[in-house]
Amino acid sequence: MTRRLEELVREQFPDAIFDSADPSLGVGSFPEWDSLGTFNLLLLAEQTYSVRFSTSEMAELKTVAAIRKHLKSLGVEA
């Protein structure tokens, strides 16, 4: 079974309180989710889904919705 993207967010930010259904969930949603948090989340996604993000993609992927959409374009259901 594939791990859901929300599970990765919870793993990366274990102390954060957030609504995983919020379409704007992303950088700045809580203090821990900054640019370094995004980078680490994307690295976790790369490891989990066996994909690679380019530097420019990493700079653009700032919300769960954007990450999910990009993963889908790579053939990954997250």
PDB file of N, CA and C in Angstrom:
ATOM      1  N   MET A   1       0.843  -1.187   0.000  1.00  0.00           N
ATOM      2  CA  MET A   1       0.000   0.000   0.000  1.00  0.00           C
ATOM      3  C   MET A   1       0.891   1.255   0.000  1.00  0.00           C
ATOM      4  N   THR A   2       0.569   2.166  -0.865  1.00  0.00           N
ATOM      5  CA  THR A   2       1.319   3.407  -0.966  1.00  0.00           C
ATOM      6  C   THR A   2       0.981   4.338   0.185  1.00  0.00           C
ATOM      7  N   ARG A   3       1.994   4.936   0.752  1.00  0.00           N
ATOM      8  CA  ARG A   3       1.769   5.903   1.826  1.00  0.00           C
ATOM      9  C   ARG A   3       1.186   7.185   1.247  1.00  0.00           C
ATOM     10  N   ARG A   4       0.221   7.711   1.932  1.00  0.00           N
ATOM     11  CA  ARG A   4      -0.413   8.955   1.509  1.00  0.00           C
ATOM     12  C   ARG A   4       0.510  10.135   1.808  1.00  0.00           C
ATOM     13  N   LEU A   5       0.397  11.157   1.021  1.00  0.00           N
ATOM     14  CA  LEU A   5       1.206  12.346   1.195  1.00  0.00           C
ATOM     15  C   LEU A   5       0.978  12.965   2.577  1.00  0.00           C
ATOM     16  N   GLU A   6      -0.252  12.926   3.065  1.00  0.00           N
ATOM     17  CA  GLU A   6      -0.540  13.474   4.397  1.00  0.00           C
ATOM     18  C   GLU A   6       0.254  12.743   5.481  1.00  0.00           C
ATOM     19  N   GLU A   7       0.465  11.455   5.305  1.00  0.00           N
ATOM     20  CA  GLU A   7       1.273  10.693   6.259  1.00  0.00           C
ATOM     21  C   GLU A   7       2.710  11.211   6.275  1.00  0.00           C
ATOM     22  N   LEU A   8       3.220  11.563   5.109  1.00  0.00           N
ATOM     23  CA  LEU A   8       4.582  12.093   5.040  1.00  0.00           C
ATOM     24  C   LEU A   8       4.662  13.461   5.709  1.00  0.00           C
ATOM     25  N   VAL A   9       3.612  14.272   5.526  1.00  0.00           N
ATOM     26  CA  VAL A   9       3.582  15.586   6.178  1.00  0.00           C
ATOM     27  C   VAL A   9       3.588  15.398   7.692  1.00  0.00           C
ATOM     28  N   ARG A  10       2.783  14.465   8.180  1.00  0.00           N
ATOM     29  CA  ARG A  10       2.743  14.211   9.627  1.00  0.00           C
ATOM     30  C   ARG A  10       4.077  13.651  10.134  1.00  0.00           C
ATOM     31  N   GLU A  11       4.742  12.846   9.318  1.00  0.00           N
ATOM     32  CA  GLU A  11       6.045  12.314   9.703  1.00  0.00           C
ATOM     33  C   GLU A  11       7.098  13.428   9.754  1.00  0.00           C
ATOM     34  N   GLN A  12       7.063  14.305   8.765  1.00  0.00           N
ATOM     35  CA  GLN A  12       8.042  15.387   8.695  1.00  0.00           C
ATOM     36  C   GLN A  12       7.808  16.444   9.775  1.00  0.00           C
ATOM     37  N   PHE A  13       6.533  16.684  10.105  1.00  0.00           N
ATOM     38  CA  PHE A  13       6.179  17.717  11.079  1.00  0.00           C
ATOM     39  C   PHE A  13       5.334  17.096  12.197  1.00  0.00           C
ATOM     40  N   PRO A  14       5.925  16.243  13.031  1.00  0.00           N
ATOM     41  CA  PRO A  14       5.153  15.473  14.010  1.00  0.00           C
ATOM     42  C   PRO A  14       4.448  16.307  15.083  1.00  0.00           C
ATOM     43  N   ASP A  15       4.932  17.489  15.368  1.00  0.00           N
ATOM     44  CA  ASP A  15       4.328  18.305  16.419  1.00  0.00           C
ATOM     45  C   ASP A  15       3.309  19.312  15.901  1.00  0.00           C
ATOM     46  N   ALA A  16       3.174  19.404  14.589  1.00  0.00           N
ATOM     47  CA  ALA A  16       2.273  20.394  14.000  1.00  0.00           C
ATOM     48  C   ALA A  16       0.821  19.941  14.071  1.00  0.00           C
ATOM     49  N   ILE A  17      -0.044  20.910  14.252  1.00  0.00           N
ATOM     50  CA  ILE A  17      -1.491  20.659  14.220  1.00  0.00           C
ATOM     51  C   ILE A  17      -2.010  21.292  12.939  1.00  0.00           C
ATOM     52  N   PHE A  18      -2.646  20.481  12.101  1.00  0.00           N
ATOM     53  CA  PHE A  18      -3.136  20.997  10.822  1.00  0.00           C
ATOM     54  C   PHE A  18      -4.284  20.158  10.307  1.00  0.00           C
ATOM     55  N   ASP A  19      -5.018  20.737   9.361  1.00  0.00           N
ATOM     56  CA  ASP A  19      -6.135  20.068   8.701  1.00  0.00           C
ATOM     57  C   ASP A  19      -5.623  19.549   7.363  1.00  0.00           C
ATOM     58  N   SER A  20      -5.474  18.250   7.231  1.00  0.00           N
ATOM     59  CA  SER A  20      -4.913  17.685   6.002  1.00  0.00           C
ATOM     60  C   SER A  20      -5.832  17.886   4.798  1.00  0.00           C
ATOM     61  N   ALA A  21      -7.095  18.259   5.015  1.00  0.00           N
ATOM     62  CA  ALA A  21      -8.029  18.515   3.912  1.00  0.00           C
ATOM     63  C   ALA A  21      -7.928  19.956   3.405  1.00  0.00           C
ATOM     64  N   ASP A  22      -7.158  20.795   4.080  1.00  0.00           N
ATOM     65  CA  ASP A  22      -7.013  22.198   3.691  1.00  0.00           C
ATOM     66  C   ASP A  22      -6.229  22.281   2.385  1.00  0.00           C
ATOM     67  N   PRO A  23      -6.847  22.789   1.299  1.00  0.00           N
ATOM     68  CA  PRO A  23      -6.152  22.836   0.013  1.00  0.00           C
ATOM     69  C   PRO A  23      -4.955  23.784  -0.003  1.00  0.00           C
ATOM     70  N   SER A  24      -4.892  24.709   0.946  1.00  0.00           N
ATOM     71  CA  SER A  24      -3.771  25.646   0.977  1.00  0.00           C
ATOM     72  C   SER A  24      -2.664  25.202   1.926  1.00  0.00           C
ATOM     73  N   LEU A  25      -2.769  23.990   2.471  1.00  0.00           N
ATOM     74  CA  LEU A  25      -1.759  23.481   3.402  1.00  0.00           C
ATOM     75  C   LEU A  25      -0.397  23.502   2.723  1.00  0.00           C
ATOM     76  N   GLY A  26       0.522  24.260   3.311  1.00  0.00           N
ATOM     77  CA  GLY A  26       1.846  24.366   2.711  1.00  0.00           C
ATOM     78  C   GLY A  26       2.757  25.253   3.531  1.00  0.00           C
ATOM     79  N   VAL A  27       3.753  25.792   2.868  1.00  0.00           N
ATOM     80  CA  VAL A  27       4.742  26.643   3.525  1.00  0.00           C
ATOM     81  C   VAL A  27       4.024  27.740   4.303  1.00  0.00           C
ATOM     82  N   GLY A  28       4.380  27.871   5.582  1.00  0.00           N
ATOM     83  CA  GLY A  28       3.792  28.900   6.427  1.00  0.00           C
ATOM     84  C   GLY A  28       2.515  28.493   7.129  1.00  0.00           C
ATOM     85  N   SER A  29       2.003  27.286   6.849  1.00  0.00           N
ATOM     86  CA  SER A  29       0.773  26.835   7.504  1.00  0.00           C
ATOM     87  C   SER A  29       0.962  26.681   9.009  1.00  0.00           C
ATOM     88  N   PHE A  30       2.185  26.402   9.413  1.00  0.00           N
ATOM     89  CA  PHE A  30       2.562  26.333  10.820  1.00  0.00           C
ATOM     90  C   PHE A  30       4.060  26.626  10.877  1.00  0.00           C
ATOM     91  N   PRO A  31       4.559  27.042  12.040  1.00  0.00           N
ATOM     92  CA  PRO A  31       5.942  27.527  12.116  1.00  0.00           C
ATOM     93  C   PRO A  31       7.006  26.564  11.587  1.00  0.00           C
ATOM     94  N   GLU A  32       6.811  25.287  11.769  1.00  0.00           N
ATOM     95  CA  GLU A  32       7.832  24.319  11.340  1.00  0.00           C
ATOM     96  C   GLU A  32       7.941  24.204   9.823  1.00  0.00           C
ATOM     97  N   TRP A  33       6.873  24.597   9.111  1.00  0.00           N
ATOM     98  CA  TRP A  33       6.892  24.433   7.655  1.00  0.00           C
ATOM     99  C   TRP A  33       7.460  25.696   7.017  1.00  0.00           C
ATOM    100  N   ASP A  34       8.770  25.705   6.890  1.00  0.00           N
ATOM    101  CA  ASP A  34       9.485  26.776   6.221  1.00  0.00           C
ATOM    102  C   ASP A  34      10.176  26.182   4.994  1.00  0.00           C
ATOM    103  N   SER A  35      11.100  26.914   4.404  1.00  0.00           N
ATOM    104  CA  SER A  35      11.750  26.411   3.190  1.00  0.00           C
ATOM    105  C   SER A  35      12.556  25.141   3.460  1.00  0.00           C
ATOM    106  N   LEU A  36      13.205  25.061   4.609  1.00  0.00           N
ATOM    107  CA  LEU A  36      13.946  23.843   4.948  1.00  0.00           C
ATOM    108  C   LEU A  36      12.986  22.680   5.178  1.00  0.00           C
ATOM    109  N   GLY A  37      11.867  22.949   5.806  1.00  0.00           N
ATOM    110  CA  GLY A  37      10.852  21.915   6.009  1.00  0.00           C
ATOM    111  C   GLY A  37      10.327  21.387   4.687  1.00  0.00           C
ATOM    112  N   THR A  38      10.129  22.290   3.727  1.00  0.00           N
ATOM    113  CA  THR A  38       9.671  21.884   2.393  1.00  0.00           C
ATOM    114  C   THR A  38      10.706  20.988   1.736  1.00  0.00           C
ATOM    115  N   PHE A  39      11.962  21.408   1.799  1.00  0.00           N
ATOM    116  CA  PHE A  39      13.048  20.624   1.206  1.00  0.00           C
ATOM    117  C   PHE A  39      13.073  19.218   1.804  1.00  0.00           C
ATOM    118  N   ASN A  40      12.994  19.131   3.124  1.00  0.00           N
ATOM    119  CA  ASN A  40      13.029  17.825   3.784  1.00  0.00           C
ATOM    120  C   ASN A  40      11.804  16.987   3.447  1.00  0.00           C
ATOM    121  N   LEU A  41      10.634  17.611   3.338  1.00  0.00           N
ATOM    122  CA  LEU A  41       9.426  16.886   2.940  1.00  0.00           C
ATOM    123  C   LEU A  41       9.573  16.339   1.524  1.00  0.00           C
ATOM    124  N   LEU A  42      10.112  17.140   0.622  1.00  0.00           N
ATOM    125  CA  LEU A  42      10.294  16.669  -0.755  1.00  0.00           C
ATOM    126  C   LEU A  42      11.334  15.559  -0.836  1.00  0.00           C
ATOM    127  N   LEU A  43      12.374  15.622  -0.022  1.00  0.00           N
ATOM    128  CA  LEU A  43      13.334  14.518   0.027  1.00  0.00           C
ATOM    129  C   LEU A  43      12.664  13.239   0.524  1.00  0.00           C
ATOM    130  N   LEU A  44      11.807  13.362   1.523  1.00  0.00           N
ATOM    131  CA  LEU A  44      11.065  12.214   2.031  1.00  0.00           C
ATOM    132  C   LEU A  44      10.145  11.651   0.945  1.00  0.00           C
ATOM    133  N   ALA A  45       9.503  12.536   0.195  1.00  0.00           N
ATOM    134  CA  ALA A  45       8.642  12.091  -0.908  1.00  0.00           C
ATOM    135  C   ALA A  45       9.469  11.384  -1.984  1.00  0.00           C
ATOM    136  N   GLU A  46      10.652  11.907  -2.289  1.00  0.00           N
ATOM    137  CA  GLU A  46      11.516  11.250  -3.276  1.00  0.00           C
ATOM    138  C   GLU A  46      11.847   9.829  -2.837  1.00  0.00           C
ATOM    139  N   GLN A  47      12.199   9.672  -1.582  1.00  0.00           N
ATOM    140  CA  GLN A  47      12.550   8.350  -1.062  1.00  0.00           C
ATOM    141  C   GLN A  47      11.340   7.413  -1.042  1.00  0.00           C
ATOM    142  N   THR A  48      10.210   7.938  -0.639  1.00  0.00           N
ATOM    143  CA  THR A  48       9.006   7.122  -0.494  1.00  0.00           C
ATOM    144  C   THR A  48       8.455   6.672  -1.836  1.00  0.00           C
ATOM    145  N   TYR A  49       8.426   7.586  -2.802  1.00  0.00           N
ATOM    146  CA  TYR A  49       7.784   7.298  -4.088  1.00  0.00           C
ATOM    147  C   TYR A  49       8.769   6.978  -5.210  1.00  0.00           C
ATOM    148  N   SER A  50      10.061   6.942  -4.898  1.00  0.00           N
ATOM    149  CA  SER A  50      11.105   6.647  -5.899  1.00  0.00           C
ATOM    150  C   SER A  50      11.013   7.585  -7.097  1.00  0.00           C
ATOM    151  N   VAL A  51      10.963   8.883  -6.811  1.00  0.00           N
ATOM    152  CA  VAL A  51      10.950   9.911  -7.850  1.00  0.00           C
ATOM    153  C   VAL A  51      12.076  10.890  -7.547  1.00  0.00           C
ATOM    154  N   ARG A  52      12.343  11.781  -8.482  1.00  0.00           N
ATOM    155  CA  ARG A  52      13.338  12.838  -8.281  1.00  0.00           C
ATOM    156  C   ARG A  52      12.692  14.163  -8.661  1.00  0.00           C
ATOM    157  N   PHE A  53      12.939  15.185  -7.863  1.00  0.00           N
ATOM    158  CA  PHE A  53      12.496  16.536  -8.156  1.00  0.00           C
ATOM    159  C   PHE A  53      13.706  17.355  -8.573  1.00  0.00           C
ATOM    160  N   SER A  54      13.549  18.154  -9.614  1.00  0.00           N
ATOM    161  CA  SER A  54      14.629  19.058 -10.001  1.00  0.00           C
ATOM    162  C   SER A  54      14.661  20.222  -9.016  1.00  0.00           C
ATOM    163  N   THR A  55      15.738  20.974  -9.063  1.00  0.00           N
ATOM    164  CA  THR A  55      15.867  22.139  -8.189  1.00  0.00           C
ATOM    165  C   THR A  55      14.734  23.125  -8.441  1.00  0.00           C
ATOM    166  N   SER A  56      14.398  23.347  -9.692  1.00  0.00           N
ATOM    167  CA  SER A  56      13.320  24.293 -10.002  1.00  0.00           C
ATOM    168  C   SER A  56      11.969  23.767  -9.526  1.00  0.00           C
ATOM    169  N   GLU A  57      11.745  22.464  -9.630  1.00  0.00           N
ATOM    170  CA  GLU A  57      10.502  21.890  -9.114  1.00  0.00           C
ATOM    171  C   GLU A  57      10.428  22.064  -7.603  1.00  0.00           C
ATOM    172  N   MET A  58      11.537  21.823  -6.930  1.00  0.00           N
ATOM    173  CA  MET A  58      11.556  21.980  -5.476  1.00  0.00           C
ATOM    174  C   MET A  58      11.220  23.413  -5.072  1.00  0.00           C
ATOM    175  N   ALA A  59      11.658  24.376  -5.863  1.00  0.00           N
ATOM    176  CA  ALA A  59      11.386  25.782  -5.566  1.00  0.00           C
ATOM    177  C   ALA A  59       9.915  26.127  -5.769  1.00  0.00           C
ATOM    178  N   GLU A  60       9.235  25.394  -6.650  1.00  0.00           N
ATOM    179  CA  GLU A  60       7.843  25.693  -6.974  1.00  0.00           C
ATOM    180  C   GLU A  60       6.838  24.932  -6.113  1.00  0.00           C
ATOM    181  N   LEU A  61       7.192  23.782  -5.606  1.00  0.00           N
ATOM    182  CA  LEU A  61       6.260  22.925  -4.882  1.00  0.00           C
ATOM    183  C   LEU A  61       6.169  23.363  -3.424  1.00  0.00           C
ATOM    184  N   LYS A  62       5.158  24.184  -3.131  1.00  0.00           N
ATOM    185  CA  LYS A  62       5.057  24.793  -1.804  1.00  0.00           C
ATOM    186  C   LYS A  62       3.803  24.390  -1.035  1.00  0.00           C
ATOM    187  N   THR A  63       2.921  23.623  -1.656  1.00  0.00           N
ATOM    188  CA  THR A  63       1.707  23.173  -0.970  1.00  0.00           C
ATOM    189  C   THR A  63       1.528  21.670  -1.189  1.00  0.00           C
ATOM    190  N   VAL A  64       0.746  21.060  -0.313  1.00  0.00           N
ATOM    191  CA  VAL A  64       0.433  19.638  -0.474  1.00  0.00           C
ATOM    192  C   VAL A  64      -0.274  19.421  -1.811  1.00  0.00           C
ATOM    193  N   ALA A  65      -1.172  20.328  -2.170  1.00  0.00           N
ATOM    194  CA  ALA A  65      -1.901  20.189  -3.436  1.00  0.00           C
ATOM    195  C   ALA A  65      -0.946  20.215  -4.626  1.00  0.00           C
ATOM    196  N   ALA A  66       0.019  21.122  -4.612  1.00  0.00           N
ATOM    197  CA  ALA A  66       0.979  21.213  -5.719  1.00  0.00           C
ATOM    198  C   ALA A  66       1.870  19.977  -5.772  1.00  0.00           C
ATOM    199  N   ILE A  67       2.292  19.510  -4.612  1.00  0.00           N
ATOM    200  CA  ILE A  67       3.125  18.305  -4.567  1.00  0.00           C
ATOM    201  C   ILE A  67       2.342  17.108  -5.098  1.00  0.00           C
ATOM    202  N   ARG A  68       1.094  16.960  -4.643  1.00  0.00           N
ATOM    203  CA  ARG A  68       0.265  15.848  -5.094  1.00  0.00           C
ATOM    204  C   ARG A  68       0.051  15.906  -6.612  1.00  0.00           C
ATOM    205  N   LYS A  69      -0.246  17.092  -7.121  1.00  0.00           N
ATOM    206  CA  LYS A  69      -0.470  17.252  -8.568  1.00  0.00           C
ATOM    207  C   LYS A  69       0.787  16.864  -9.346  1.00  0.00           C
ATOM    208  N   HIS A  70       1.939  17.299  -8.858  1.00  0.00           N
ATOM    209  CA  HIS A  70       3.185  16.964  -9.554  1.00  0.00           C
ATOM    210  C   HIS A  70       3.468  15.473  -9.487  1.00  0.00           C
ATOM    211  N   LEU A  71       3.260  14.880  -8.316  1.00  0.00           N
ATOM    212  CA  LEU A  71       3.450  13.425  -8.197  1.00  0.00           C
ATOM    213  C   LEU A  71       2.531  12.679  -9.157  1.00  0.00           C
ATOM    214  N   LYS A  72       1.288  13.155  -9.269  1.00  0.00           N
ATOM    215  CA  LYS A  72       0.342  12.515 -10.186  1.00  0.00           C
ATOM    216  C   LYS A  72       0.861  12.597 -11.627  1.00  0.00           C
ATOM    217  N   SER A  73       1.467  13.737 -11.978  1.00  0.00           N
ATOM    218  CA  SER A  73       2.008  13.881 -13.342  1.00  0.00           C
ATOM    219  C   SER A  73       3.168  12.898 -13.581  1.00  0.00           C
ATOM    220  N   LEU A  74       3.766  12.422 -12.481  1.00  0.00           N
ATOM    221  CA  LEU A  74       4.844  11.445 -12.577  1.00  0.00           C
ATOM    222  C   LEU A  74       4.320  10.012 -12.456  1.00  0.00           C
ATOM    223  N   GLY A  75       2.995   9.865 -12.378  1.00  0.00           N
ATOM    224  CA  GLY A  75       2.384   8.542 -12.292  1.00  0.00           C
ATOM    225  C   GLY A  75       2.259   7.980 -10.887  1.00  0.00           C
ATOM    226  N   VAL A  76       2.384   8.864  -9.883  1.00  0.00           N
ATOM    227  CA  VAL A  76       2.314   8.442  -8.482  1.00  0.00           C
ATOM    228  C   VAL A  76       1.000   8.921  -7.875  1.00  0.00           C
ATOM    229  N   GLU A  77       0.256   8.002  -7.314  1.00  0.00           N
ATOM    230  CA  GLU A  77      -0.956   8.380  -6.559  1.00  0.00           C
ATOM    231  C   GLU A  77      -0.560   8.554  -5.124  1.00  0.00           C
ATOM    232  N   ALA A  78      -0.635   9.784  -4.646  1.00  0.00           N
ATOM    233  CA  ALA A  78      -0.221  10.087  -3.283  1.00  0.00           C
ATOM    234  C   ALA A  78      -1.374  10.700  -2.542  1.00  0.00           C
TER     235      ALA A  78
END
